[in-house]
Each structure stands twice: as structure tokens, then as C-alpha cells.
N, C-alpha and C. Protein backbone atom coordinates (compact mmCIF):
# COMPACT_ATOMS: atom_id res chain seq x y z
N MET A 1 -21.01 0.59 41.90
CA MET A 1 -22.37 0.41 42.30
C MET A 1 -23.25 1.27 41.40
N PRO A 2 -24.35 0.71 40.89
CA PRO A 2 -25.22 1.46 39.99
C PRO A 2 -25.88 2.63 40.70
N ARG A 3 -26.11 3.67 39.92
CA ARG A 3 -26.78 4.84 40.47
C ARG A 3 -28.27 4.58 40.63
N PRO A 4 -28.85 5.08 41.68
CA PRO A 4 -30.31 4.95 41.80
C PRO A 4 -30.99 5.82 40.75
N ARG A 5 -32.01 5.27 40.13
CA ARG A 5 -32.76 6.03 39.13
C ARG A 5 -34.21 6.17 39.57
N LYS A 6 -34.75 7.30 39.24
CA LYS A 6 -36.18 7.48 39.50
C LYS A 6 -36.93 6.96 38.30
N GLN A 7 -37.83 6.06 38.56
CA GLN A 7 -38.64 5.50 37.49
C GLN A 7 -40.08 5.49 37.98
N ASP A 8 -40.89 6.23 37.33
CA ASP A 8 -42.28 6.37 37.73
C ASP A 8 -42.39 6.79 39.20
N GLY A 9 -41.49 7.70 39.60
CA GLY A 9 -41.56 8.21 40.95
C GLY A 9 -40.93 7.31 41.99
N ALA A 10 -40.35 6.18 41.62
CA ALA A 10 -39.77 5.27 42.60
C ALA A 10 -38.27 5.22 42.40
N ASN A 11 -37.53 5.03 43.47
CA ASN A 11 -36.09 4.85 43.38
C ASN A 11 -35.79 3.39 43.10
N THR A 12 -34.93 3.14 42.11
CA THR A 12 -34.50 1.77 41.82
C THR A 12 -32.99 1.76 41.75
N THR A 13 -32.42 0.60 41.85
CA THR A 13 -30.97 0.48 41.73
C THR A 13 -30.58 -0.20 40.42
N GLU A 14 -31.47 -0.20 39.46
CA GLU A 14 -31.15 -0.80 38.17
C GLU A 14 -30.11 0.07 37.45
N PRO A 15 -29.19 -0.56 36.79
CA PRO A 15 -28.22 0.23 36.04
C PRO A 15 -28.92 0.91 34.86
N LYS A 16 -28.41 2.05 34.51
CA LYS A 16 -28.96 2.79 33.39
C LYS A 16 -28.71 2.02 32.10
N LYS A 17 -29.74 1.88 31.29
CA LYS A 17 -29.60 1.14 30.04
C LYS A 17 -29.02 2.07 28.98
N THR A 18 -27.98 1.59 28.35
CA THR A 18 -27.36 2.37 27.28
C THR A 18 -27.17 1.48 26.07
N ARG A 19 -27.16 2.10 24.95
CA ARG A 19 -26.88 1.35 23.72
C ARG A 19 -25.38 1.20 23.57
N LYS A 20 -24.99 0.01 23.24
CA LYS A 20 -23.57 -0.20 23.01
C LYS A 20 -23.22 0.36 21.64
N ALA A 21 -22.21 1.15 21.62
CA ALA A 21 -21.76 1.70 20.35
C ALA A 21 -20.94 0.64 19.63
N THR A 22 -21.19 0.50 18.37
CA THR A 22 -20.39 -0.46 17.61
C THR A 22 -19.08 0.21 17.25
N THR A 23 -18.03 -0.38 17.72
CA THR A 23 -16.71 0.17 17.44
C THR A 23 -16.01 -0.76 16.47
N GLY A 24 -15.90 -0.34 15.27
CA GLY A 24 -15.19 -1.11 14.26
C GLY A 24 -13.94 -0.35 13.85
N THR A 25 -13.00 -1.06 13.35
CA THR A 25 -11.79 -0.39 12.90
C THR A 25 -12.02 0.14 11.51
N LEU A 26 -11.59 1.35 11.29
CA LEU A 26 -11.70 1.95 9.98
C LEU A 26 -10.45 1.65 9.19
N GLU A 27 -10.66 1.19 7.97
CA GLU A 27 -9.51 0.93 7.11
C GLU A 27 -9.13 2.22 6.41
N PRO A 28 -7.85 2.44 6.20
CA PRO A 28 -7.46 3.65 5.48
C PRO A 28 -7.99 3.62 4.05
N LEU A 29 -8.23 4.79 3.50
CA LEU A 29 -8.74 4.86 2.14
C LEU A 29 -7.75 4.26 1.14
N ILE A 30 -6.48 4.53 1.35
CA ILE A 30 -5.45 3.97 0.49
C ILE A 30 -4.49 3.22 1.38
N PRO A 31 -4.51 1.87 1.33
CA PRO A 31 -3.59 1.12 2.18
C PRO A 31 -2.14 1.35 1.75
N ALA A 32 -1.25 1.20 2.69
CA ALA A 32 0.16 1.38 2.39
C ALA A 32 0.60 0.33 1.38
N PRO A 33 1.38 0.74 0.41
CA PRO A 33 1.82 -0.22 -0.58
C PRO A 33 2.74 -1.26 0.02
N PRO A 34 2.55 -2.54 -0.35
CA PRO A 34 3.40 -3.58 0.21
C PRO A 34 4.78 -3.63 -0.42
N VAL A 35 4.98 -2.92 -1.51
CA VAL A 35 6.27 -2.95 -2.19
C VAL A 35 6.86 -1.56 -2.25
N GLN A 36 8.16 -1.53 -2.44
CA GLN A 36 8.86 -0.26 -2.54
C GLN A 36 8.93 0.16 -4.00
N LEU A 37 8.58 1.40 -4.27
CA LEU A 37 8.65 1.93 -5.62
C LEU A 37 9.95 2.71 -5.76
N LEU A 38 10.67 2.42 -6.83
CA LEU A 38 11.97 3.04 -7.08
C LEU A 38 11.83 4.12 -8.14
N ASP A 39 12.57 5.20 -8.00
CA ASP A 39 12.58 6.22 -9.04
C ASP A 39 13.58 5.81 -10.13
N ILE A 40 13.55 6.54 -11.25
CA ILE A 40 14.37 6.17 -12.40
C ILE A 40 15.87 6.23 -12.11
N PRO A 41 16.38 7.25 -11.44
CA PRO A 41 17.82 7.24 -11.13
C PRO A 41 18.25 6.04 -10.29
N THR A 42 17.41 5.60 -9.37
CA THR A 42 17.74 4.43 -8.55
C THR A 42 17.77 3.17 -9.40
N VAL A 43 16.79 3.03 -10.30
CA VAL A 43 16.76 1.87 -11.20
C VAL A 43 18.01 1.89 -12.08
N ALA A 44 18.38 3.06 -12.57
CA ALA A 44 19.57 3.19 -13.43
C ALA A 44 20.83 2.74 -12.67
N LYS A 45 20.94 3.14 -11.42
CA LYS A 45 22.11 2.73 -10.63
C LYS A 45 22.13 1.22 -10.42
N ARG A 46 20.96 0.65 -10.12
CA ARG A 46 20.90 -0.80 -9.86
C ARG A 46 21.21 -1.62 -11.11
N LEU A 47 20.85 -1.09 -12.27
CA LEU A 47 21.11 -1.82 -13.52
C LEU A 47 22.43 -1.40 -14.16
N SER A 48 23.08 -0.41 -13.59
CA SER A 48 24.34 0.15 -14.12
C SER A 48 24.17 0.64 -15.56
N VAL A 49 23.11 1.40 -15.77
CA VAL A 49 22.84 2.01 -17.08
C VAL A 49 22.43 3.47 -16.84
N SER A 50 22.28 4.22 -17.92
CA SER A 50 21.87 5.62 -17.81
C SER A 50 20.37 5.72 -17.60
N ARG A 51 19.94 6.91 -17.18
CA ARG A 51 18.50 7.16 -17.02
C ARG A 51 17.78 7.04 -18.36
N VAL A 52 18.42 7.51 -19.43
CA VAL A 52 17.81 7.42 -20.77
C VAL A 52 17.59 5.96 -21.14
N LYS A 53 18.53 5.10 -20.81
CA LYS A 53 18.40 3.67 -21.10
C LYS A 53 17.24 3.06 -20.32
N VAL A 54 17.04 3.51 -19.07
CA VAL A 54 15.92 2.99 -18.28
C VAL A 54 14.60 3.33 -18.96
N TYR A 55 14.47 4.56 -19.45
CA TYR A 55 13.24 4.95 -20.16
C TYR A 55 13.06 4.10 -21.42
N ALA A 56 14.15 3.80 -22.12
CA ALA A 56 14.08 2.94 -23.31
C ALA A 56 13.65 1.53 -22.91
N LEU A 57 14.15 1.02 -21.79
CA LEU A 57 13.76 -0.31 -21.33
C LEU A 57 12.27 -0.34 -20.97
N ILE A 58 11.77 0.74 -20.41
CA ILE A 58 10.34 0.82 -20.08
C ILE A 58 9.51 0.85 -21.36
N ASN A 59 9.90 1.69 -22.31
CA ASN A 59 9.09 1.88 -23.52
C ASN A 59 9.24 0.78 -24.56
N LYS A 60 10.41 0.16 -24.65
CA LYS A 60 10.65 -0.80 -25.73
C LYS A 60 10.84 -2.24 -25.27
N ASP A 61 11.42 -2.43 -24.09
CA ASP A 61 11.78 -3.78 -23.66
C ASP A 61 10.89 -4.34 -22.56
N GLY A 62 9.83 -3.65 -22.22
CA GLY A 62 8.85 -4.20 -21.29
C GLY A 62 9.22 -4.15 -19.82
N LEU A 63 10.11 -3.23 -19.44
CA LEU A 63 10.38 -3.08 -18.01
C LEU A 63 9.11 -2.53 -17.36
N PRO A 64 8.51 -3.27 -16.41
CA PRO A 64 7.25 -2.82 -15.81
C PRO A 64 7.44 -1.55 -14.99
N ALA A 65 6.59 -0.58 -15.24
CA ALA A 65 6.64 0.69 -14.51
C ALA A 65 5.24 1.26 -14.41
N VAL A 66 5.06 2.11 -13.43
CA VAL A 66 3.80 2.84 -13.28
C VAL A 66 4.11 4.32 -13.40
N LYS A 67 3.19 5.02 -14.04
CA LYS A 67 3.35 6.46 -14.18
C LYS A 67 2.45 7.12 -13.15
N ILE A 68 3.05 7.89 -12.29
CA ILE A 68 2.32 8.61 -11.25
C ILE A 68 2.51 10.10 -11.55
N GLY A 69 1.45 10.70 -12.05
CA GLY A 69 1.57 12.09 -12.49
C GLY A 69 2.46 12.14 -13.71
N LYS A 70 3.58 12.82 -13.58
CA LYS A 70 4.52 12.94 -14.71
C LYS A 70 5.75 12.05 -14.56
N VAL A 71 5.83 11.31 -13.47
CA VAL A 71 7.04 10.52 -13.22
C VAL A 71 6.75 9.02 -13.25
N PHE A 72 7.76 8.27 -13.63
CA PHE A 72 7.67 6.81 -13.62
C PHE A 72 8.26 6.28 -12.33
N ARG A 73 7.66 5.19 -11.86
CA ARG A 73 8.20 4.45 -10.72
C ARG A 73 8.22 2.98 -11.09
N VAL A 74 9.21 2.27 -10.58
CA VAL A 74 9.37 0.84 -10.86
C VAL A 74 9.36 0.11 -9.53
N SER A 75 8.51 -0.91 -9.43
CA SER A 75 8.45 -1.72 -8.22
C SER A 75 9.74 -2.52 -8.10
N GLN A 76 10.26 -2.58 -6.89
CA GLN A 76 11.49 -3.34 -6.66
C GLN A 76 11.28 -4.82 -7.02
N ASN A 77 10.12 -5.37 -6.64
CA ASN A 77 9.83 -6.77 -6.96
C ASN A 77 9.73 -6.97 -8.47
N SER A 78 9.06 -6.05 -9.17
CA SER A 78 8.93 -6.16 -10.62
C SER A 78 10.29 -6.08 -11.30
N LEU A 79 11.15 -5.21 -10.80
CA LEU A 79 12.49 -5.09 -11.36
C LEU A 79 13.26 -6.39 -11.20
N ASN A 80 13.21 -6.97 -10.01
CA ASN A 80 13.91 -8.24 -9.76
C ASN A 80 13.38 -9.35 -10.66
N GLN A 81 12.06 -9.44 -10.80
CA GLN A 81 11.46 -10.48 -11.66
C GLN A 81 11.83 -10.26 -13.12
N TRP A 82 11.82 -9.02 -13.55
CA TRP A 82 12.15 -8.70 -14.95
C TRP A 82 13.60 -9.10 -15.26
N VAL A 83 14.50 -8.80 -14.33
CA VAL A 83 15.91 -9.16 -14.52
C VAL A 83 16.05 -10.69 -14.56
N GLN A 84 15.36 -11.41 -13.67
CA GLN A 84 15.43 -12.87 -13.67
C GLN A 84 14.89 -13.46 -14.97
N GLN A 85 13.81 -12.90 -15.48
CA GLN A 85 13.26 -13.38 -16.76
C GLN A 85 14.25 -13.16 -17.89
N ARG A 86 14.90 -12.02 -17.89
CA ARG A 86 15.91 -11.74 -18.93
C ARG A 86 17.09 -12.70 -18.82
N GLU A 87 17.49 -13.03 -17.61
CA GLU A 87 18.58 -13.98 -17.41
C GLU A 87 18.19 -15.36 -17.93
N GLN A 88 16.95 -15.78 -17.69
CA GLN A 88 16.49 -17.08 -18.15
C GLN A 88 16.40 -17.12 -19.66
N GLN A 89 16.04 -16.01 -20.30
CA GLN A 89 15.98 -15.96 -21.75
C GLN A 89 17.37 -16.11 -22.35
N LEU A 90 18.39 -15.58 -21.68
CA LEU A 90 19.76 -15.71 -22.18
C LEU A 90 20.25 -17.15 -22.07
N VAL A 91 19.83 -17.84 -21.02
CA VAL A 91 20.25 -19.23 -20.81
C VAL A 91 19.57 -20.16 -21.81
N SER A 92 18.32 -19.88 -22.13
CA SER A 92 17.53 -20.76 -23.01
C SER A 92 18.02 -20.73 -24.44
């Protein structure tokens, strides 16, 4: 039941008027990455090569990687696509 309010000296039963606050969802400043980033030792294990070879593949053979600070990371999806492209080149 609404509270009685005094308005110009009279009691009324009108509900108190309030402004509706706009509630919107805030998006994070940096959304979570949709892909998993692999470190160089993990990439080396998956390709069955040394860490030095992984760096050579990044620098010379076009293995896609991102440098974050001083370290390289390779997207799992990019690694899979790169391997598939190399397989298709061998077949062609």
C-alpha cells in the first residue's frame, strides 16, 4: 500500500514518484578470448619438435603467433589451420 504523502498540506495516497534507474549490463573492458593460446613448449610437444624449431617455424615458415610482452603464444585454432594448410601443400 502506498505511503500517504503530504502535498501542499494535504494527505494523499499517491505513490511517491521516482525516476527509474537505467540498469544496463556493463561489458568487460577486455572480453575473454574465444580461443586457447598455447605456449611454445606446448606447441613443440604437439608438433613433436624442439622449442628452437618452433621459433624457426614462427620466424621463417609463417607459423602464426602473437607476442605478448616478451613471450610468444600460438592460437590452438591457428596451429590446427596451419598444419592443415601444410598437409594440403604436400598433397598438391
